Amino acid sequence: MNGVDPYAYMQQVAMRMNQLNNRNEIETVLDELEYLFEIIPPELQDNAEKLIAMLRDKLRDASQ
């Protein structure tokens, strides 16, 4: 994810959230966000945490 704009990426994820239904796709986006969380400035981490929590919920629901 070198050279990725964290603002833009999180906005993309938020806009696609309703379209993410496939377990593999959810896991991929979740992995990318968790990686991004480690390198983004602290002021972005709250928003990233919210998206990560939403993706974890979707992943749990997709597993049932």
PDB file of N, CA and C in Angstrom:
ATOM      1  N   MET A   1       0.822  -1.193   0.000  1.00  0.00           N
ATOM      2  CA  MET A   1       0.000   0.000   0.000  1.00  0.00           C
ATOM      3  C   MET A   1       0.864   1.254   0.000  1.00  0.00           C
ATOM      4  N   ASN A   2       2.032   1.115  -0.526  1.00  0.00           N
ATOM      5  CA  ASN A   2       2.945   2.242  -0.604  1.00  0.00           C
ATOM      6  C   ASN A   2       2.366   3.333  -1.500  1.00  0.00           C
ATOM      7  N   GLY A   3       2.369   4.569  -1.003  1.00  0.00           N
ATOM      8  CA  GLY A   3       1.866   5.679  -1.790  1.00  0.00           C
ATOM      9  C   GLY A   3       0.362   5.849  -1.750  1.00  0.00           C
ATOM     10  N   VAL A   4      -0.308   5.138  -0.876  1.00  0.00           N
ATOM     11  CA  VAL A   4      -1.761   5.223  -0.771  1.00  0.00           C
ATOM     12  C   VAL A   4      -2.136   6.426   0.085  1.00  0.00           C
ATOM     13  N   ASP A   5      -3.124   7.176  -0.372  1.00  0.00           N
ATOM     14  CA  ASP A   5      -3.656   8.292   0.412  1.00  0.00           C
ATOM     15  C   ASP A   5      -4.650   7.716   1.415  1.00  0.00           C
ATOM     16  N   PRO A   6      -4.332   7.735   2.715  1.00  0.00           N
ATOM     17  CA  PRO A   6      -5.213   7.096   3.705  1.00  0.00           C
ATOM     18  C   PRO A   6      -6.611   7.706   3.741  1.00  0.00           C
ATOM     19  N   TYR A   7      -6.710   9.019   3.535  1.00  0.00           N
ATOM     20  CA  TYR A   7      -8.031   9.664   3.512  1.00  0.00           C
ATOM     21  C   TYR A   7      -8.876   9.081   2.384  1.00  0.00           C
ATOM     22  N   ALA A   8      -8.284   9.030   1.205  1.00  0.00           N
ATOM     23  CA  ALA A   8      -9.011   8.548   0.029  1.00  0.00           C
ATOM     24  C   ALA A   8      -9.378   7.069   0.174  1.00  0.00           C
ATOM     25  N   TYR A   9      -8.439   6.271   0.699  1.00  0.00           N
ATOM     26  CA  TYR A   9      -8.709   4.844   0.834  1.00  0.00           C
ATOM     27  C   TYR A   9      -9.849   4.589   1.812  1.00  0.00           C
ATOM     28  N   MET A  10      -9.820   5.273   2.955  1.00  0.00           N
ATOM     29  CA  MET A  10     -10.890   5.075   3.935  1.00  0.00           C
ATOM     30  C   MET A  10     -12.226   5.559   3.377  1.00  0.00           C
ATOM     31  N   GLN A  11     -12.202   6.618   2.596  1.00  0.00           N
ATOM     32  CA  GLN A  11     -13.438   7.095   1.971  1.00  0.00           C
ATOM     33  C   GLN A  11     -13.972   6.056   0.980  1.00  0.00           C
ATOM     34  N   GLN A  12     -13.073   5.454   0.211  1.00  0.00           N
ATOM     35  CA  GLN A  12     -13.483   4.399  -0.726  1.00  0.00           C
ATOM     36  C   GLN A  12     -14.125   3.234   0.014  1.00  0.00           C
ATOM     37  N   VAL A  13     -13.496   2.820   1.100  1.00  0.00           N
ATOM     38  CA  VAL A  13     -14.028   1.697   1.885  1.00  0.00           C
ATOM     39  C   VAL A  13     -15.409   2.046   2.429  1.00  0.00           C
ATOM     40  N   ALA A  14     -15.547   3.242   2.968  1.00  0.00           N
ATOM     41  CA  ALA A  14     -16.846   3.663   3.516  1.00  0.00           C
ATOM     42  C   ALA A  14     -17.914   3.666   2.436  1.00  0.00           C
ATOM     43  N   MET A  15     -17.560   4.122   1.250  1.00  0.00           N
ATOM     44  CA  MET A  15     -18.538   4.189   0.161  1.00  0.00           C
ATOM     45  C   MET A  15     -18.903   2.793  -0.348  1.00  0.00           C
ATOM     46  N   ARG A  16     -17.992   1.837  -0.248  1.00  0.00           N
ATOM     47  CA  ARG A  16     -18.227   0.470  -0.737  1.00  0.00           C
ATOM     48  C   ARG A  16     -18.758  -0.475   0.333  1.00  0.00           C
ATOM     49  N   MET A  17     -18.895   0.009   1.555  1.00  0.00           N
ATOM     50  CA  MET A  17     -19.236  -0.858   2.682  1.00  0.00           C
ATOM     51  C   MET A  17     -20.467  -1.726   2.394  1.00  0.00           C
ATOM     52  N   ASN A  18     -21.502  -1.162   1.837  1.00  0.00           N
ATOM     53  CA  ASN A  18     -22.728  -1.928   1.562  1.00  0.00           C
ATOM     54  C   ASN A  18     -22.540  -2.967   0.476  1.00  0.00           C
ATOM     55  N   GLN A  19     -21.531  -2.804  -0.361  1.00  0.00           N
ATOM     56  CA  GLN A  19     -21.278  -3.740  -1.449  1.00  0.00           C
ATOM     57  C   GLN A  19     -20.376  -4.892  -1.043  1.00  0.00           C
ATOM     58  N   LEU A  20     -19.740  -4.768   0.102  1.00  0.00           N
ATOM     59  CA  LEU A  20     -18.832  -5.811   0.575  1.00  0.00           C
ATOM     60  C   LEU A  20     -19.639  -6.903   1.268  1.00  0.00           C
ATOM     61  N   ASN A  21     -19.819  -8.003   0.583  1.00  0.00           N
ATOM     62  CA  ASN A  21     -20.592  -9.123   1.135  1.00  0.00           C
ATOM     63  C   ASN A  21     -19.834 -10.434   1.078  1.00  0.00           C
ATOM     64  N   ASN A  22     -18.866 -10.516   0.193  1.00  0.00           N
ATOM     65  CA  ASN A  22     -18.079 -11.724   0.016  1.00  0.00           C
ATOM     66  C   ASN A  22     -17.010 -11.804   1.110  1.00  0.00           C
ATOM     67  N   ARG A  23     -16.935 -12.936   1.780  1.00  0.00           N
ATOM     68  CA  ARG A  23     -15.999 -13.113   2.888  1.00  0.00           C
ATOM     69  C   ARG A  23     -14.556 -12.788   2.495  1.00  0.00           C
ATOM     70  N   ASN A  24     -14.106 -13.265   1.351  1.00  0.00           N
ATOM     71  CA  ASN A  24     -12.734 -13.014   0.915  1.00  0.00           C
ATOM     72  C   ASN A  24     -12.477 -11.530   0.682  1.00  0.00           C
ATOM     73  N   GLU A  25     -13.442 -10.867   0.086  1.00  0.00           N
ATOM     74  CA  GLU A  25     -13.309  -9.439  -0.182  1.00  0.00           C
ATOM     75  C   GLU A  25     -13.273  -8.647   1.136  1.00  0.00           C
ATOM     76  N   ILE A  26     -14.132  -9.009   2.059  1.00  0.00           N
ATOM     77  CA  ILE A  26     -14.156  -8.341   3.362  1.00  0.00           C
ATOM     78  C   ILE A  26     -12.826  -8.533   4.070  1.00  0.00           C
ATOM     79  N   GLU A  27     -12.306  -9.766   4.056  1.00  0.00           N
ATOM     80  CA  GLU A  27     -11.028 -10.046   4.712  1.00  0.00           C
ATOM     81  C   GLU A  27      -9.887  -9.241   4.091  1.00  0.00           C
ATOM     82  N   THR A  28      -9.894  -9.114   2.767  1.00  0.00           N
ATOM     83  CA  THR A  28      -8.846  -8.355   2.082  1.00  0.00           C
ATOM     84  C   THR A  28      -8.879  -6.891   2.497  1.00  0.00           C
ATOM     85  N   VAL A  29     -10.062  -6.298   2.468  1.00  0.00           N
ATOM     86  CA  VAL A  29     -10.193  -4.890   2.845  1.00  0.00           C
ATOM     87  C   VAL A  29      -9.855  -4.701   4.323  1.00  0.00           C
ATOM     88  N   LEU A  30     -10.281  -5.629   5.161  1.00  0.00           N
ATOM     89  CA  LEU A  30      -9.975  -5.557   6.595  1.00  0.00           C
ATOM     90  C   LEU A  30      -8.462  -5.626   6.821  1.00  0.00           C
ATOM     91  N   ASP A  31      -7.783  -6.535   6.139  1.00  0.00           N
ATOM     92  CA  ASP A  31      -6.329  -6.641   6.261  1.00  0.00           C
ATOM     93  C   ASP A  31      -5.647  -5.342   5.838  1.00  0.00           C
ATOM     94  N   GLU A  32      -6.116  -4.769   4.736  1.00  0.00           N
ATOM     95  CA  GLU A  32      -5.530  -3.523   4.240  1.00  0.00           C
ATOM     96  C   GLU A  32      -5.736  -2.382   5.234  1.00  0.00           C
ATOM     97  N   LEU A  33      -6.935  -2.303   5.805  1.00  0.00           N
ATOM     98  CA  LEU A  33      -7.211  -1.245   6.779  1.00  0.00           C
ATOM     99  C   LEU A  33      -6.412  -1.435   8.061  1.00  0.00           C
ATOM    100  N   GLU A  34      -6.269  -2.675   8.503  1.00  0.00           N
ATOM    101  CA  GLU A  34      -5.487  -2.933   9.714  1.00  0.00           C
ATOM    102  C   GLU A  34      -4.023  -2.563   9.498  1.00  0.00           C
ATOM    103  N   TYR A  35      -3.495  -2.821   8.306  1.00  0.00           N
ATOM    104  CA  TYR A  35      -2.131  -2.406   7.982  1.00  0.00           C
ATOM    105  C   TYR A  35      -2.045  -0.884   7.964  1.00  0.00           C
ATOM    106  N   LEU A  36      -2.990  -0.267   7.297  1.00  0.00           N
ATOM    107  CA  LEU A  36      -3.023   1.191   7.189  1.00  0.00           C
ATOM    108  C   LEU A  36      -3.104   1.831   8.575  1.00  0.00           C
ATOM    109  N   PHE A  37      -3.858   1.218   9.466  1.00  0.00           N
ATOM    110  CA  PHE A  37      -4.014   1.735  10.830  1.00  0.00           C
ATOM    111  C   PHE A  37      -2.659   1.897  11.508  1.00  0.00           C
ATOM    112  N   GLU A  38      -1.751   0.976  11.238  1.00  0.00           N
ATOM    113  CA  GLU A  38      -0.436   1.000  11.880  1.00  0.00           C
ATOM    114  C   GLU A  38       0.437   2.151  11.397  1.00  0.00           C
ATOM    115  N   ILE A  39       0.152   2.690  10.214  1.00  0.00           N
ATOM    116  CA  ILE A  39       1.049   3.698   9.644  1.00  0.00           C
ATOM    117  C   ILE A  39       0.415   5.085   9.513  1.00  0.00           C
ATOM    118  N   ILE A  40      -0.870   5.202   9.803  1.00  0.00           N
ATOM    119  CA  ILE A  40      -1.529   6.498   9.643  1.00  0.00           C
ATOM    120  C   ILE A  40      -1.330   7.360  10.886  1.00  0.00           C
ATOM    121  N   PRO A  41      -1.468   8.668  10.712  1.00  0.00           N
ATOM    122  CA  PRO A  41      -1.364   9.568  11.869  1.00  0.00           C
ATOM    123  C   PRO A  41      -2.488   9.295  12.870  1.00  0.00           C
ATOM    124  N   PRO A  42      -2.223   9.578  14.141  1.00  0.00           N
ATOM    125  CA  PRO A  42      -3.224   9.319  15.190  1.00  0.00           C
ATOM    126  C   PRO A  42      -4.579   9.983  14.939  1.00  0.00           C
ATOM    127  N   GLU A  43      -4.608  11.130  14.298  1.00  0.00           N
ATOM    128  CA  GLU A  43      -5.887  11.806  14.062  1.00  0.00           C
ATOM    129  C   GLU A  43      -6.793  11.059  13.087  1.00  0.00           C
ATOM    130  N   LEU A  44      -6.248  10.117  12.346  1.00  0.00           N
ATOM    131  CA  LEU A  44      -7.066   9.311  11.432  1.00  0.00           C
ATOM    132  C   LEU A  44      -7.472   7.973  12.042  1.00  0.00           C
ATOM    133  N   GLN A  45      -6.867   7.618  13.139  1.00  0.00           N
ATOM    134  CA  GLN A  45      -7.095   6.287  13.697  1.00  0.00           C
ATOM    135  C   GLN A  45      -8.522   6.066  14.194  1.00  0.00           C
ATOM    136  N   ASP A  46      -9.185   7.100  14.699  1.00  0.00           N
ATOM    137  CA  ASP A  46     -10.570   6.923  15.145  1.00  0.00           C
ATOM    138  C   ASP A  46     -11.470   6.487  13.994  1.00  0.00           C
ATOM    139  N   ASN A  47     -11.337   7.145  12.863  1.00  0.00           N
ATOM    140  CA  ASN A  47     -12.145   6.781  11.696  1.00  0.00           C
ATOM    141  C   ASN A  47     -11.793   5.392  11.192  1.00  0.00           C
ATOM    142  N   ALA A  48     -10.513   5.070  11.207  1.00  0.00           N
ATOM    143  CA  ALA A  48     -10.090   3.740  10.775  1.00  0.00           C
ATOM    144  C   ALA A  48     -10.654   2.672  11.711  1.00  0.00           C
ATOM    145  N   GLU A  49     -10.646   2.950  13.018  1.00  0.00           N
ATOM    146  CA  GLU A  49     -11.191   1.996  13.991  1.00  0.00           C
ATOM    147  C   GLU A  49     -12.668   1.726  13.736  1.00  0.00           C
ATOM    148  N   LYS A  50     -13.408   2.758  13.390  1.00  0.00           N
ATOM    149  CA  LYS A  50     -14.836   2.590  13.097  1.00  0.00           C
ATOM    150  C   LYS A  50     -15.040   1.698  11.884  1.00  0.00           C
ATOM    151  N   LEU A  51     -14.255   1.942  10.833  1.00  0.00           N
ATOM    152  CA  LEU A  51     -14.379   1.115   9.627  1.00  0.00           C
ATOM    153  C   LEU A  51     -13.969  -0.324   9.908  1.00  0.00           C
ATOM    154  N   ILE A  52     -12.915  -0.502  10.685  1.00  0.00           N
ATOM    155  CA  ILE A  52     -12.461  -1.851  11.031  1.00  0.00           C
ATOM    156  C   ILE A  52     -13.545  -2.588  11.813  1.00  0.00           C
ATOM    157  N   ALA A  53     -14.171  -1.918  12.759  1.00  0.00           N
ATOM    158  CA  ALA A  53     -15.243  -2.546  13.539  1.00  0.00           C
ATOM    159  C   ALA A  53     -16.412  -2.938  12.640  1.00  0.00           C
ATOM    160  N   MET A  54     -16.759  -2.067  11.709  1.00  0.00           N
ATOM    161  CA  MET A  54     -17.856  -2.366  10.776  1.00  0.00           C
ATOM    162  C   MET A  54     -17.505  -3.571   9.908  1.00  0.00           C
ATOM    163  N   LEU A  55     -16.269  -3.642   9.445  1.00  0.00           N
ATOM    164  CA  LEU A  55     -15.847  -4.775   8.617  1.00  0.00           C
ATOM    165  C   LEU A  55     -15.824  -6.069   9.421  1.00  0.00           C
ATOM    166  N   ARG A  56     -15.403  -6.000  10.663  1.00  0.00           N
ATOM    167  CA  ARG A  56     -15.405  -7.201  11.511  1.00  0.00           C
ATOM    168  C   ARG A  56     -16.831  -7.706  11.725  1.00  0.00           C
ATOM    169  N   ASP A  57     -17.780  -6.785  11.899  1.00  0.00           N
ATOM    170  CA  ASP A  57     -19.189  -7.171  12.026  1.00  0.00           C
ATOM    171  C   ASP A  57     -19.675  -7.838  10.738  1.00  0.00           C
ATOM    172  N   LYS A  58     -19.322  -7.246   9.612  1.00  0.00           N
ATOM    173  CA  LYS A  58     -19.727  -7.828   8.324  1.00  0.00           C
ATOM    174  C   LYS A  58     -19.121  -9.212   8.140  1.00  0.00           C
ATOM    175  N   LEU A  59     -17.876  -9.360   8.543  1.00  0.00           N
ATOM    176  CA  LEU A  59     -17.198 -10.640   8.417  1.00  0.00           C
ATOM    177  C   LEU A  59     -17.867 -11.686   9.294  1.00  0.00           C
ATOM    178  N   ARG A  60     -18.212 -11.303  10.501  1.00  0.00           N
ATOM    179  CA  ARG A  60     -18.916 -12.214  11.406  1.00  0.00           C
ATOM    180  C   ARG A  60     -20.262 -12.626  10.801  1.00  0.00           C
ATOM    181  N   ASP A  61     -20.989 -11.659  10.253  1.00  0.00           N
ATOM    182  CA  ASP A  61     -22.277 -11.946   9.649  1.00  0.00           C
ATOM    183  C   ASP A  61     -22.136 -12.826   8.405  1.00  0.00           C
ATOM    184  N   ALA A  62     -21.074 -12.625   7.647  1.00  0.00           N
ATOM    185  CA  ALA A  62     -20.838 -13.418   6.441  1.00  0.00           C
ATOM    186  C   ALA A  62     -20.481 -14.855   6.780  1.00  0.00           C
ATOM    187  N   SER A  63     -19.967 -15.071   7.990  1.00  0.00           N
ATOM    188  CA  SER A  63     -19.559 -16.411   8.415  1.00  0.00           C
ATOM    189  C   SER A  63     -20.743 -17.256   8.877  1.00  0.00           C
ATOM    190  N   GLN A  64     -21.865 -16.617   9.132  1.00  0.00           N
ATOM    191  CA  GLN A  64     -23.023 -17.354   9.670  1.00  0.00           C
ATOM    192  C   GLN A  64     -23.868 -17.943   8.583  1.00  0.00           C
TER     193      GLN A  64
END
